[in-house]
């Protein structure tokens, strides 16, 4: 299984513990040792919510991460990452 995360500027809705659904999904994928592919919108993180900045730093330490600014760049980056996964697993 693969977790594909799209991280934007906003952190999103926070539950009673102050954690967003995206953050919970990421933590669950990490706990289940899933391959995590993270795509971060924008060339820098200056305008992102502080909790999103922290999540990006957390994600950046141990997995595949790419940046994108347009939908076309996102599609291309996701395609390339998935092809790389298939090659690494010797499925193509």
C-alpha atoms as a PDB file:
ATOM      1  CA  UNK A   1       0.000   0.000   0.000  1.00  0.00           C
ATOM      2  CA  UNK A   2       0.993   3.578  -0.660  1.00  0.00           C
ATOM      3  CA  UNK A   3      -0.024   6.758   1.138  1.00  0.00           C
ATOM      4  CA  UNK A   4      -0.126   9.746  -1.207  1.00  0.00           C
ATOM      5  CA  UNK A   5      -0.313  13.048   0.628  1.00  0.00           C
ATOM      6  CA  UNK A   6      -1.049  16.452  -0.888  1.00  0.00           C
ATOM      7  CA  UNK A   7       0.005  19.190   1.509  1.00  0.00           C
ATOM      8  CA  UNK A   8      -1.127  22.765   0.817  1.00  0.00           C
ATOM      9  CA  UNK A   9      -1.100  26.003   2.798  1.00  0.00           C
ATOM     10  CA  UNK A  10      -3.892  25.264   5.270  1.00  0.00           C
ATOM     11  CA  UNK A  11      -3.695  22.735   8.080  1.00  0.00           C
ATOM     12  CA  UNK A  12      -7.425  22.129   7.974  1.00  0.00           C
ATOM     13  CA  UNK A  13     -10.085  21.291  10.535  1.00  0.00           C
ATOM     14  CA  UNK A  14      -8.660  20.444  13.946  1.00  0.00           C
ATOM     15  CA  UNK A  15     -10.317  17.910  16.245  1.00  0.00           C
ATOM     16  CA  UNK A  16     -10.581  18.272  20.021  1.00  0.00           C
ATOM     17  CA  UNK A  17      -6.882  17.368  20.292  1.00  0.00           C
ATOM     18  CA  UNK A  18      -5.861  20.016  17.748  1.00  0.00           C
ATOM     19  CA  UNK A  19      -4.947  17.519  15.009  1.00  0.00           C
ATOM     20  CA  UNK A  20      -6.227  17.604  11.418  1.00  0.00           C
ATOM     21  CA  UNK A  21      -7.511  14.536   9.508  1.00  0.00           C
ATOM     22  CA  UNK A  22      -4.577  14.845   7.083  1.00  0.00           C
ATOM     23  CA  UNK A  23      -2.113  14.717   9.966  1.00  0.00           C
ATOM     24  CA  UNK A  24      -3.895  11.703  11.472  1.00  0.00           C
ATOM     25  CA  UNK A  25      -3.817   9.896   8.089  1.00  0.00           C
ATOM     26  CA  UNK A  26      -0.106  10.598   7.748  1.00  0.00           C
ATOM     27  CA  UNK A  27       0.607   9.340  11.274  1.00  0.00           C
ATOM     28  CA  UNK A  28      -1.431   6.160  10.621  1.00  0.00           C
ATOM     29  CA  UNK A  29       0.404   5.497   7.346  1.00  0.00           C
ATOM     30  CA  UNK A  30       3.682   5.962   9.218  1.00  0.00           C
ATOM     31  CA  UNK A  31       2.633   3.600  12.009  1.00  0.00           C
ATOM     32  CA  UNK A  32       1.587   0.993   9.430  1.00  0.00           C
ATOM     33  CA  UNK A  33       4.936   1.415   7.646  1.00  0.00           C
ATOM     34  CA  UNK A  34       3.325   2.331   4.336  1.00  0.00           C
ATOM     35  CA  UNK A  35       5.366   3.895   1.575  1.00  0.00           C
ATOM     36  CA  UNK A  36       4.544   7.583   1.815  1.00  0.00           C
ATOM     37  CA  UNK A  37       4.700   9.896  -1.189  1.00  0.00           C
ATOM     38  CA  UNK A  38       4.243  13.528  -0.196  1.00  0.00           C
ATOM     39  CA  UNK A  39       3.625  16.374  -2.642  1.00  0.00           C
ATOM     40  CA  UNK A  40       3.867  19.891  -1.233  1.00  0.00           C
ATOM     41  CA  UNK A  41       2.194  22.816  -2.967  1.00  0.00           C
ATOM     42  CA  UNK A  42       4.374  25.874  -3.514  1.00  0.00           C
ATOM     43  CA  UNK A  43       8.046  26.654  -3.764  1.00  0.00           C
ATOM     44  CA  UNK A  44       8.415  27.512  -0.073  1.00  0.00           C
ATOM     45  CA  UNK A  45       6.533  27.183   3.200  1.00  0.00           C
ATOM     46  CA  UNK A  46       6.494  30.818   4.383  1.00  0.00           C
ATOM     47  CA  UNK A  47       2.725  31.306   3.883  1.00  0.00           C
ATOM     48  CA  UNK A  48       1.693  27.918   5.258  1.00  0.00           C
ATOM     49  CA  UNK A  49      -0.110  27.458   8.572  1.00  0.00           C
ATOM     50  CA  UNK A  50       2.461  26.772  11.337  1.00  0.00           C
ATOM     51  CA  UNK A  51       1.039  23.295  11.967  1.00  0.00           C
ATOM     52  CA  UNK A  52       1.285  22.495   8.238  1.00  0.00           C
ATOM     53  CA  UNK A  53       4.906  23.659   8.298  1.00  0.00           C
ATOM     54  CA  UNK A  54       5.539  21.267  11.188  1.00  0.00           C
ATOM     55  CA  UNK A  55       3.835  18.384   9.367  1.00  0.00           C
ATOM     56  CA  UNK A  56       5.954  19.026   6.254  1.00  0.00           C
ATOM     57  CA  UNK A  57       9.119  18.998   8.385  1.00  0.00           C
ATOM     58  CA  UNK A  58       7.970  15.757  10.026  1.00  0.00           C
ATOM     59  CA  UNK A  59       7.263  14.181   6.641  1.00  0.00           C
ATOM     60  CA  UNK A  60      10.468  15.423   5.091  1.00  0.00           C
ATOM     61  CA  UNK A  61      12.803  13.492   7.309  1.00  0.00           C
ATOM     62  CA  UNK A  62      12.169   9.971   6.060  1.00  0.00           C
ATOM     63  CA  UNK A  63      10.227   9.681   2.811  1.00  0.00           C
ATOM     64  CA  UNK A  64       9.791  10.761  -0.782  1.00  0.00           C
ATOM     65  CA  UNK A  65       8.735  14.376  -1.038  1.00  0.00           C
ATOM     66  CA  UNK A  66       8.296  16.659  -4.079  1.00  0.00           C
ATOM     67  CA  UNK A  67       7.086  20.207  -4.591  1.00  0.00           C
ATOM     68  CA  UNK A  68       4.635  21.413  -7.225  1.00  0.00           C
ATOM     69  CA  UNK A  69       3.055  24.715  -8.219  1.00  0.00           C
ATOM     70  CA  UNK A  70       0.662  23.686 -11.006  1.00  0.00           C
ATOM     71  CA  UNK A  71      -1.710  20.800 -11.586  1.00  0.00           C
ATOM     72  CA  UNK A  72       0.414  19.680 -14.552  1.00  0.00           C
ATOM     73  CA  UNK A  73       3.523  19.565 -12.346  1.00  0.00           C
ATOM     74  CA  UNK A  74       1.614  17.543  -9.747  1.00  0.00           C
ATOM     75  CA  UNK A  75       0.409  14.987 -12.303  1.00  0.00           C
ATOM     76  CA  UNK A  76       3.905  14.628 -13.734  1.00  0.00           C
ATOM     77  CA  UNK A  77       5.502  14.277 -10.285  1.00  0.00           C
ATOM     78  CA  UNK A  78       2.964  11.680  -9.096  1.00  0.00           C
ATOM     79  CA  UNK A  79       3.416   9.678 -12.308  1.00  0.00           C
ATOM     80  CA  UNK A  80       7.213   9.754 -11.993  1.00  0.00           C
ATOM     81  CA  UNK A  81       7.087   8.753  -8.324  1.00  0.00           C
ATOM     82  CA  UNK A  82       4.746   5.822  -9.011  1.00  0.00           C
ATOM     83  CA  UNK A  83       6.899   4.615 -11.908  1.00  0.00           C
ATOM     84  CA  UNK A  84       9.928   4.797  -9.596  1.00  0.00           C
ATOM     85  CA  UNK A  85       8.097   2.695  -6.994  1.00  0.00           C
ATOM     86  CA  UNK A  86       7.278   0.057  -9.630  1.00  0.00           C
ATOM     87  CA  UNK A  87      10.893   0.020 -10.839  1.00  0.00           C
ATOM     88  CA  UNK A  88      12.236  -0.229  -7.282  1.00  0.00           C
ATOM     89  CA  UNK A  89       9.954  -3.195  -6.644  1.00  0.00           C
ATOM     90  CA  UNK A  90      11.024  -4.715  -9.992  1.00  0.00           C
ATOM     91  CA  UNK A  91       7.441  -4.800 -11.243  1.00  0.00           C
ATOM     92  CA  UNK A  92       8.336  -3.053 -14.511  1.00  0.00           C
END
